Amino acid sequence: MVGEIDVQQLKDLVDAGRAPRVIDVREAHELEISSLPFAEHMPMGEVPARYTELDPQAPLVVMCRSGGRSMQVARFLESRGFRSVSNLTGGILAWGERIDPSLRPY
């Protein structure tokens, strides 16, 4: 079962230097609006062809705008043997609301 991580938990891990790998599955035009500097971009549509670039043993957080697409990707990864995959609850919208209000919502 895919885990959930909220934005405050992720920020605490980032601040402590223990951040998991964060994959942002939004489209490039969405990243132009707002993005997190520590997240890696892998658009949702490319994940089936590129998921082997990820370590199935390492902790991984998947994010998108609000959490729907990232949950789909997290479930896909879990079905491919990834055991430490979490969905970022609320996505970048929640990050902007609770962590960094300078991020532009869309």
N, C-alpha and C. Protein backbone atom coordinates (compact mmCIF):
# COMPACT_ATOMS: atom_id res chain seq x y z
N MET A 1 0.83 -1.18 0.00
CA MET A 1 0.00 0.00 0.00
C MET A 1 0.89 1.26 0.00
N VAL A 2 0.59 2.16 -0.88
CA VAL A 2 1.37 3.39 -1.02
C VAL A 2 1.18 4.24 0.23
N GLY A 3 2.29 4.73 0.76
CA GLY A 3 2.24 5.61 1.91
C GLY A 3 1.95 7.04 1.50
N GLU A 4 1.63 7.85 2.48
CA GLU A 4 1.41 9.27 2.27
C GLU A 4 2.41 10.02 3.15
N ILE A 5 2.89 11.14 2.66
CA ILE A 5 3.72 12.02 3.45
C ILE A 5 3.17 13.43 3.26
N ASP A 6 3.02 14.16 4.36
CA ASP A 6 2.51 15.51 4.19
C ASP A 6 3.67 16.48 4.00
N VAL A 7 3.34 17.69 3.60
CA VAL A 7 4.38 18.64 3.23
C VAL A 7 5.26 19.02 4.42
N GLN A 8 4.70 19.09 5.61
CA GLN A 8 5.53 19.43 6.77
C GLN A 8 6.52 18.31 7.08
N GLN A 9 6.09 17.07 6.95
CA GLN A 9 7.01 15.94 7.17
C GLN A 9 8.15 15.98 6.16
N LEU A 10 7.82 16.24 4.89
CA LEU A 10 8.87 16.31 3.87
C LEU A 10 9.80 17.48 4.14
N LYS A 11 9.27 18.64 4.50
CA LYS A 11 10.12 19.79 4.80
C LYS A 11 11.06 19.48 5.96
N ASP A 12 10.55 18.80 6.99
CA ASP A 12 11.39 18.44 8.13
C ASP A 12 12.54 17.53 7.70
N LEU A 13 12.26 16.58 6.81
CA LEU A 13 13.31 15.70 6.29
C LEU A 13 14.33 16.48 5.47
N VAL A 14 13.85 17.38 4.63
CA VAL A 14 14.74 18.21 3.81
C VAL A 14 15.63 19.05 4.72
N ASP A 15 15.02 19.70 5.70
CA ASP A 15 15.78 20.56 6.62
C ASP A 15 16.82 19.78 7.41
N ALA A 16 16.52 18.51 7.70
CA ALA A 16 17.44 17.68 8.47
C ALA A 16 18.49 17.00 7.60
N GLY A 17 18.43 17.25 6.28
CA GLY A 17 19.39 16.62 5.38
C GLY A 17 19.11 15.15 5.14
N ARG A 18 17.87 14.73 5.36
CA ARG A 18 17.50 13.32 5.20
C ARG A 18 16.39 13.14 4.18
N ALA A 19 16.33 14.05 3.24
CA ALA A 19 15.25 14.01 2.26
C ALA A 19 15.35 12.78 1.37
N PRO A 20 14.21 12.14 1.14
CA PRO A 20 14.19 11.07 0.15
C PRO A 20 14.27 11.68 -1.25
N ARG A 21 14.46 10.86 -2.23
CA ARG A 21 14.43 11.34 -3.61
C ARG A 21 12.99 11.74 -3.91
N VAL A 22 12.81 12.94 -4.45
CA VAL A 22 11.48 13.46 -4.75
C VAL A 22 11.34 13.58 -6.27
N ILE A 23 10.30 12.95 -6.80
CA ILE A 23 10.04 12.96 -8.24
C ILE A 23 8.76 13.75 -8.50
N ASP A 24 8.88 14.79 -9.29
CA ASP A 24 7.75 15.63 -9.66
C ASP A 24 7.25 15.15 -11.02
N VAL A 25 6.02 14.66 -11.06
CA VAL A 25 5.49 14.06 -12.29
C VAL A 25 4.63 15.02 -13.12
N ARG A 26 4.68 16.30 -12.78
CA ARG A 26 3.92 17.28 -13.55
C ARG A 26 4.60 17.55 -14.90
N GLU A 27 3.87 18.24 -15.75
CA GLU A 27 4.39 18.60 -17.06
C GLU A 27 5.34 19.79 -16.94
N ALA A 28 6.20 19.97 -17.94
CA ALA A 28 7.20 21.04 -17.92
C ALA A 28 6.57 22.42 -17.76
N HIS A 29 5.45 22.66 -18.41
CA HIS A 29 4.82 23.98 -18.30
C HIS A 29 4.33 24.24 -16.88
N GLU A 30 4.02 23.20 -16.12
CA GLU A 30 3.60 23.38 -14.73
C GLU A 30 4.80 23.75 -13.85
N LEU A 31 5.95 23.18 -14.15
CA LEU A 31 7.16 23.50 -13.38
C LEU A 31 7.57 24.95 -13.59
N GLU A 32 7.25 25.51 -14.77
CA GLU A 32 7.56 26.91 -15.03
C GLU A 32 6.76 27.84 -14.11
N ILE A 33 5.61 27.38 -13.65
CA ILE A 33 4.77 28.18 -12.76
C ILE A 33 5.29 28.11 -11.33
N SER A 34 5.54 26.91 -10.85
CA SER A 34 6.09 26.73 -9.50
C SER A 34 6.72 25.35 -9.40
N SER A 35 7.82 25.29 -8.65
CA SER A 35 8.51 24.02 -8.49
C SER A 35 9.32 24.03 -7.20
N LEU A 36 9.76 22.86 -6.80
CA LEU A 36 10.62 22.71 -5.63
C LEU A 36 12.04 22.44 -6.12
N PRO A 37 13.03 23.15 -5.61
CA PRO A 37 14.39 23.03 -6.14
C PRO A 37 15.01 21.65 -5.95
N PHE A 38 14.55 20.89 -4.99
CA PHE A 38 15.15 19.59 -4.71
C PHE A 38 14.41 18.44 -5.41
N ALA A 39 13.33 18.73 -6.12
CA ALA A 39 12.58 17.69 -6.81
C ALA A 39 13.13 17.46 -8.21
N GLU A 40 13.13 16.21 -8.62
CA GLU A 40 13.56 15.83 -9.97
C GLU A 40 12.32 15.70 -10.86
N HIS A 41 12.45 16.13 -12.09
CA HIS A 41 11.31 16.10 -13.01
C HIS A 41 11.30 14.80 -13.82
N MET A 42 10.17 14.10 -13.76
CA MET A 42 9.92 12.94 -14.61
C MET A 42 8.42 12.96 -14.92
N PRO A 43 8.03 13.55 -16.04
CA PRO A 43 6.60 13.67 -16.34
C PRO A 43 5.89 12.32 -16.28
N MET A 44 4.66 12.36 -15.81
CA MET A 44 3.88 11.14 -15.63
C MET A 44 3.90 10.24 -16.87
N GLY A 45 3.77 10.84 -18.03
CA GLY A 45 3.73 10.05 -19.25
C GLY A 45 5.03 9.35 -19.59
N GLU A 46 6.13 9.80 -19.00
CA GLU A 46 7.44 9.17 -19.24
C GLU A 46 7.80 8.10 -18.22
N VAL A 47 7.06 8.05 -17.13
CA VAL A 47 7.41 7.11 -16.04
C VAL A 47 7.47 5.66 -16.51
N PRO A 48 6.51 5.15 -17.30
CA PRO A 48 6.61 3.74 -17.71
C PRO A 48 7.89 3.40 -18.47
N ALA A 49 8.44 4.36 -19.20
CA ALA A 49 9.67 4.12 -19.94
C ALA A 49 10.93 4.43 -19.13
N ARG A 50 10.79 5.21 -18.05
CA ARG A 50 11.97 5.69 -17.33
C ARG A 50 12.09 5.21 -15.89
N TYR A 51 11.10 4.47 -15.38
CA TYR A 51 11.13 4.13 -13.96
C TYR A 51 12.36 3.32 -13.57
N THR A 52 13.00 2.68 -14.53
CA THR A 52 14.22 1.91 -14.20
C THR A 52 15.38 2.82 -13.83
N GLU A 53 15.25 4.13 -14.04
CA GLU A 53 16.26 5.10 -13.60
C GLU A 53 16.22 5.28 -12.08
N LEU A 54 15.16 4.79 -11.46
CA LEU A 54 14.96 4.96 -10.02
C LEU A 54 15.37 3.70 -9.27
N ASP A 55 15.84 3.86 -8.05
CA ASP A 55 16.26 2.74 -7.22
C ASP A 55 15.05 2.20 -6.46
N PRO A 56 14.62 0.97 -6.73
CA PRO A 56 13.44 0.43 -6.07
C PRO A 56 13.63 0.17 -4.58
N GLN A 57 14.86 0.24 -4.10
CA GLN A 57 15.15 0.01 -2.68
C GLN A 57 15.22 1.30 -1.87
N ALA A 58 15.35 2.44 -2.55
CA ALA A 58 15.53 3.72 -1.87
C ALA A 58 14.19 4.40 -1.61
N PRO A 59 14.10 5.16 -0.52
CA PRO A 59 12.87 5.92 -0.27
C PRO A 59 12.62 6.92 -1.39
N LEU A 60 11.36 7.04 -1.76
CA LEU A 60 10.98 7.86 -2.89
C LEU A 60 9.66 8.56 -2.57
N VAL A 61 9.58 9.84 -2.88
CA VAL A 61 8.34 10.59 -2.75
C VAL A 61 7.96 11.07 -4.14
N VAL A 62 6.69 10.86 -4.50
CA VAL A 62 6.19 11.30 -5.80
C VAL A 62 5.23 12.46 -5.55
N MET A 63 5.37 13.51 -6.36
CA MET A 63 4.53 14.69 -6.18
C MET A 63 3.97 15.18 -7.51
N CYS A 64 2.86 15.91 -7.42
CA CYS A 64 2.27 16.57 -8.58
C CYS A 64 1.61 17.86 -8.10
N ARG A 65 0.58 18.30 -8.75
CA ARG A 65 -0.08 19.56 -8.36
C ARG A 65 -0.85 19.40 -7.06
N SER A 66 -1.69 18.35 -6.98
CA SER A 66 -2.53 18.20 -5.79
C SER A 66 -2.51 16.81 -5.17
N GLY A 67 -1.86 15.86 -5.82
CA GLY A 67 -1.72 14.53 -5.25
C GLY A 67 -2.38 13.40 -6.01
N GLY A 68 -3.20 13.70 -6.99
CA GLY A 68 -3.89 12.66 -7.75
C GLY A 68 -2.99 11.91 -8.73
N ARG A 69 -2.30 12.63 -9.59
CA ARG A 69 -1.41 11.98 -10.56
C ARG A 69 -0.26 11.27 -9.85
N SER A 70 0.26 11.92 -8.81
CA SER A 70 1.38 11.30 -8.11
C SER A 70 0.97 10.01 -7.42
N MET A 71 -0.27 9.93 -6.94
CA MET A 71 -0.73 8.67 -6.35
C MET A 71 -0.79 7.58 -7.41
N GLN A 72 -1.24 7.92 -8.60
CA GLN A 72 -1.27 6.93 -9.69
C GLN A 72 0.15 6.44 -10.00
N VAL A 73 1.10 7.35 -10.07
CA VAL A 73 2.48 6.98 -10.36
C VAL A 73 3.05 6.15 -9.20
N ALA A 74 2.76 6.53 -7.98
CA ALA A 74 3.26 5.78 -6.83
C ALA A 74 2.72 4.36 -6.85
N ARG A 75 1.46 4.19 -7.19
CA ARG A 75 0.88 2.84 -7.29
C ARG A 75 1.54 2.04 -8.41
N PHE A 76 1.80 2.71 -9.53
CA PHE A 76 2.50 2.05 -10.63
C PHE A 76 3.87 1.56 -10.16
N LEU A 77 4.62 2.44 -9.50
CA LEU A 77 5.95 2.06 -9.02
C LEU A 77 5.87 0.92 -8.01
N GLU A 78 4.92 0.98 -7.14
CA GLU A 78 4.75 -0.10 -6.16
C GLU A 78 4.48 -1.42 -6.87
N SER A 79 3.70 -1.39 -7.94
CA SER A 79 3.41 -2.61 -8.70
C SER A 79 4.65 -3.15 -9.42
N ARG A 80 5.68 -2.30 -9.54
CA ARG A 80 6.93 -2.70 -10.18
C ARG A 80 8.01 -3.05 -9.15
N GLY A 81 7.60 -3.21 -7.89
CA GLY A 81 8.54 -3.68 -6.89
C GLY A 81 9.13 -2.61 -5.98
N PHE A 82 8.73 -1.35 -6.15
CA PHE A 82 9.22 -0.30 -5.26
C PHE A 82 8.51 -0.46 -3.92
N ARG A 83 9.28 -0.50 -2.84
CA ARG A 83 8.70 -0.79 -1.53
C ARG A 83 8.65 0.40 -0.59
N SER A 84 9.30 1.48 -0.94
CA SER A 84 9.32 2.65 -0.06
C SER A 84 8.90 3.88 -0.85
N VAL A 85 7.67 3.84 -1.37
CA VAL A 85 7.15 4.93 -2.19
C VAL A 85 6.05 5.63 -1.40
N SER A 86 6.14 6.96 -1.37
CA SER A 86 5.11 7.77 -0.71
C SER A 86 4.59 8.81 -1.68
N ASN A 87 3.34 9.15 -1.50
CA ASN A 87 2.69 10.21 -2.25
C ASN A 87 2.72 11.48 -1.41
N LEU A 88 3.09 12.61 -2.01
CA LEU A 88 3.06 13.88 -1.29
C LEU A 88 1.63 14.39 -1.25
N THR A 89 1.02 14.29 -0.08
CA THR A 89 -0.37 14.68 0.10
C THR A 89 -0.56 16.17 -0.21
N GLY A 90 -1.46 16.45 -1.13
CA GLY A 90 -1.76 17.83 -1.49
C GLY A 90 -0.83 18.45 -2.51
N GLY A 91 0.27 17.76 -2.83
CA GLY A 91 1.20 18.21 -3.86
C GLY A 91 1.75 19.61 -3.64
N ILE A 92 2.11 20.24 -4.75
CA ILE A 92 2.73 21.56 -4.67
C ILE A 92 1.75 22.61 -4.17
N LEU A 93 0.45 22.38 -4.36
CA LEU A 93 -0.52 23.33 -3.82
C LEU A 93 -0.43 23.37 -2.29
N ALA A 94 -0.33 22.20 -1.66
CA ALA A 94 -0.20 22.15 -0.20
C ALA A 94 1.13 22.75 0.25
N TRP A 95 2.19 22.51 -0.52
CA TRP A 95 3.50 23.08 -0.17
C TRP A 95 3.40 24.62 -0.18
N GLY A 96 2.75 25.15 -1.19
CA GLY A 96 2.58 26.59 -1.28
C GLY A 96 1.71 27.16 -0.16
N GLU A 97 0.68 26.44 0.22
CA GLU A 97 -0.21 26.89 1.28
C GLU A 97 0.45 26.82 2.66
N ARG A 98 1.19 25.76 2.92
CA ARG A 98 1.67 25.52 4.27
C ARG A 98 3.15 25.80 4.48
N ILE A 99 3.96 25.75 3.42
CA ILE A 99 5.41 25.88 3.58
C ILE A 99 5.95 27.15 2.93
N ASP A 100 5.65 27.37 1.67
CA ASP A 100 6.23 28.48 0.93
C ASP A 100 5.16 29.25 0.16
N PRO A 101 4.54 30.26 0.80
CA PRO A 101 3.48 31.00 0.14
C PRO A 101 3.93 31.81 -1.07
N SER A 102 5.25 31.89 -1.31
CA SER A 102 5.71 32.60 -2.51
C SER A 102 5.47 31.80 -3.78
N LEU A 103 5.18 30.51 -3.64
CA LEU A 103 4.88 29.69 -4.82
C LEU A 103 3.53 30.10 -5.39
N ARG A 104 3.51 30.24 -6.69
CA ARG A 104 2.28 30.68 -7.36
C ARG A 104 1.34 29.50 -7.55
N PRO A 105 0.13 29.55 -6.99
CA PRO A 105 -0.82 28.46 -7.22
C PRO A 105 -1.39 28.54 -8.64
N TYR A 106 -1.83 27.42 -9.14
CA TYR A 106 -2.46 27.40 -10.47
C TYR A 106 -3.52 26.33 -10.52
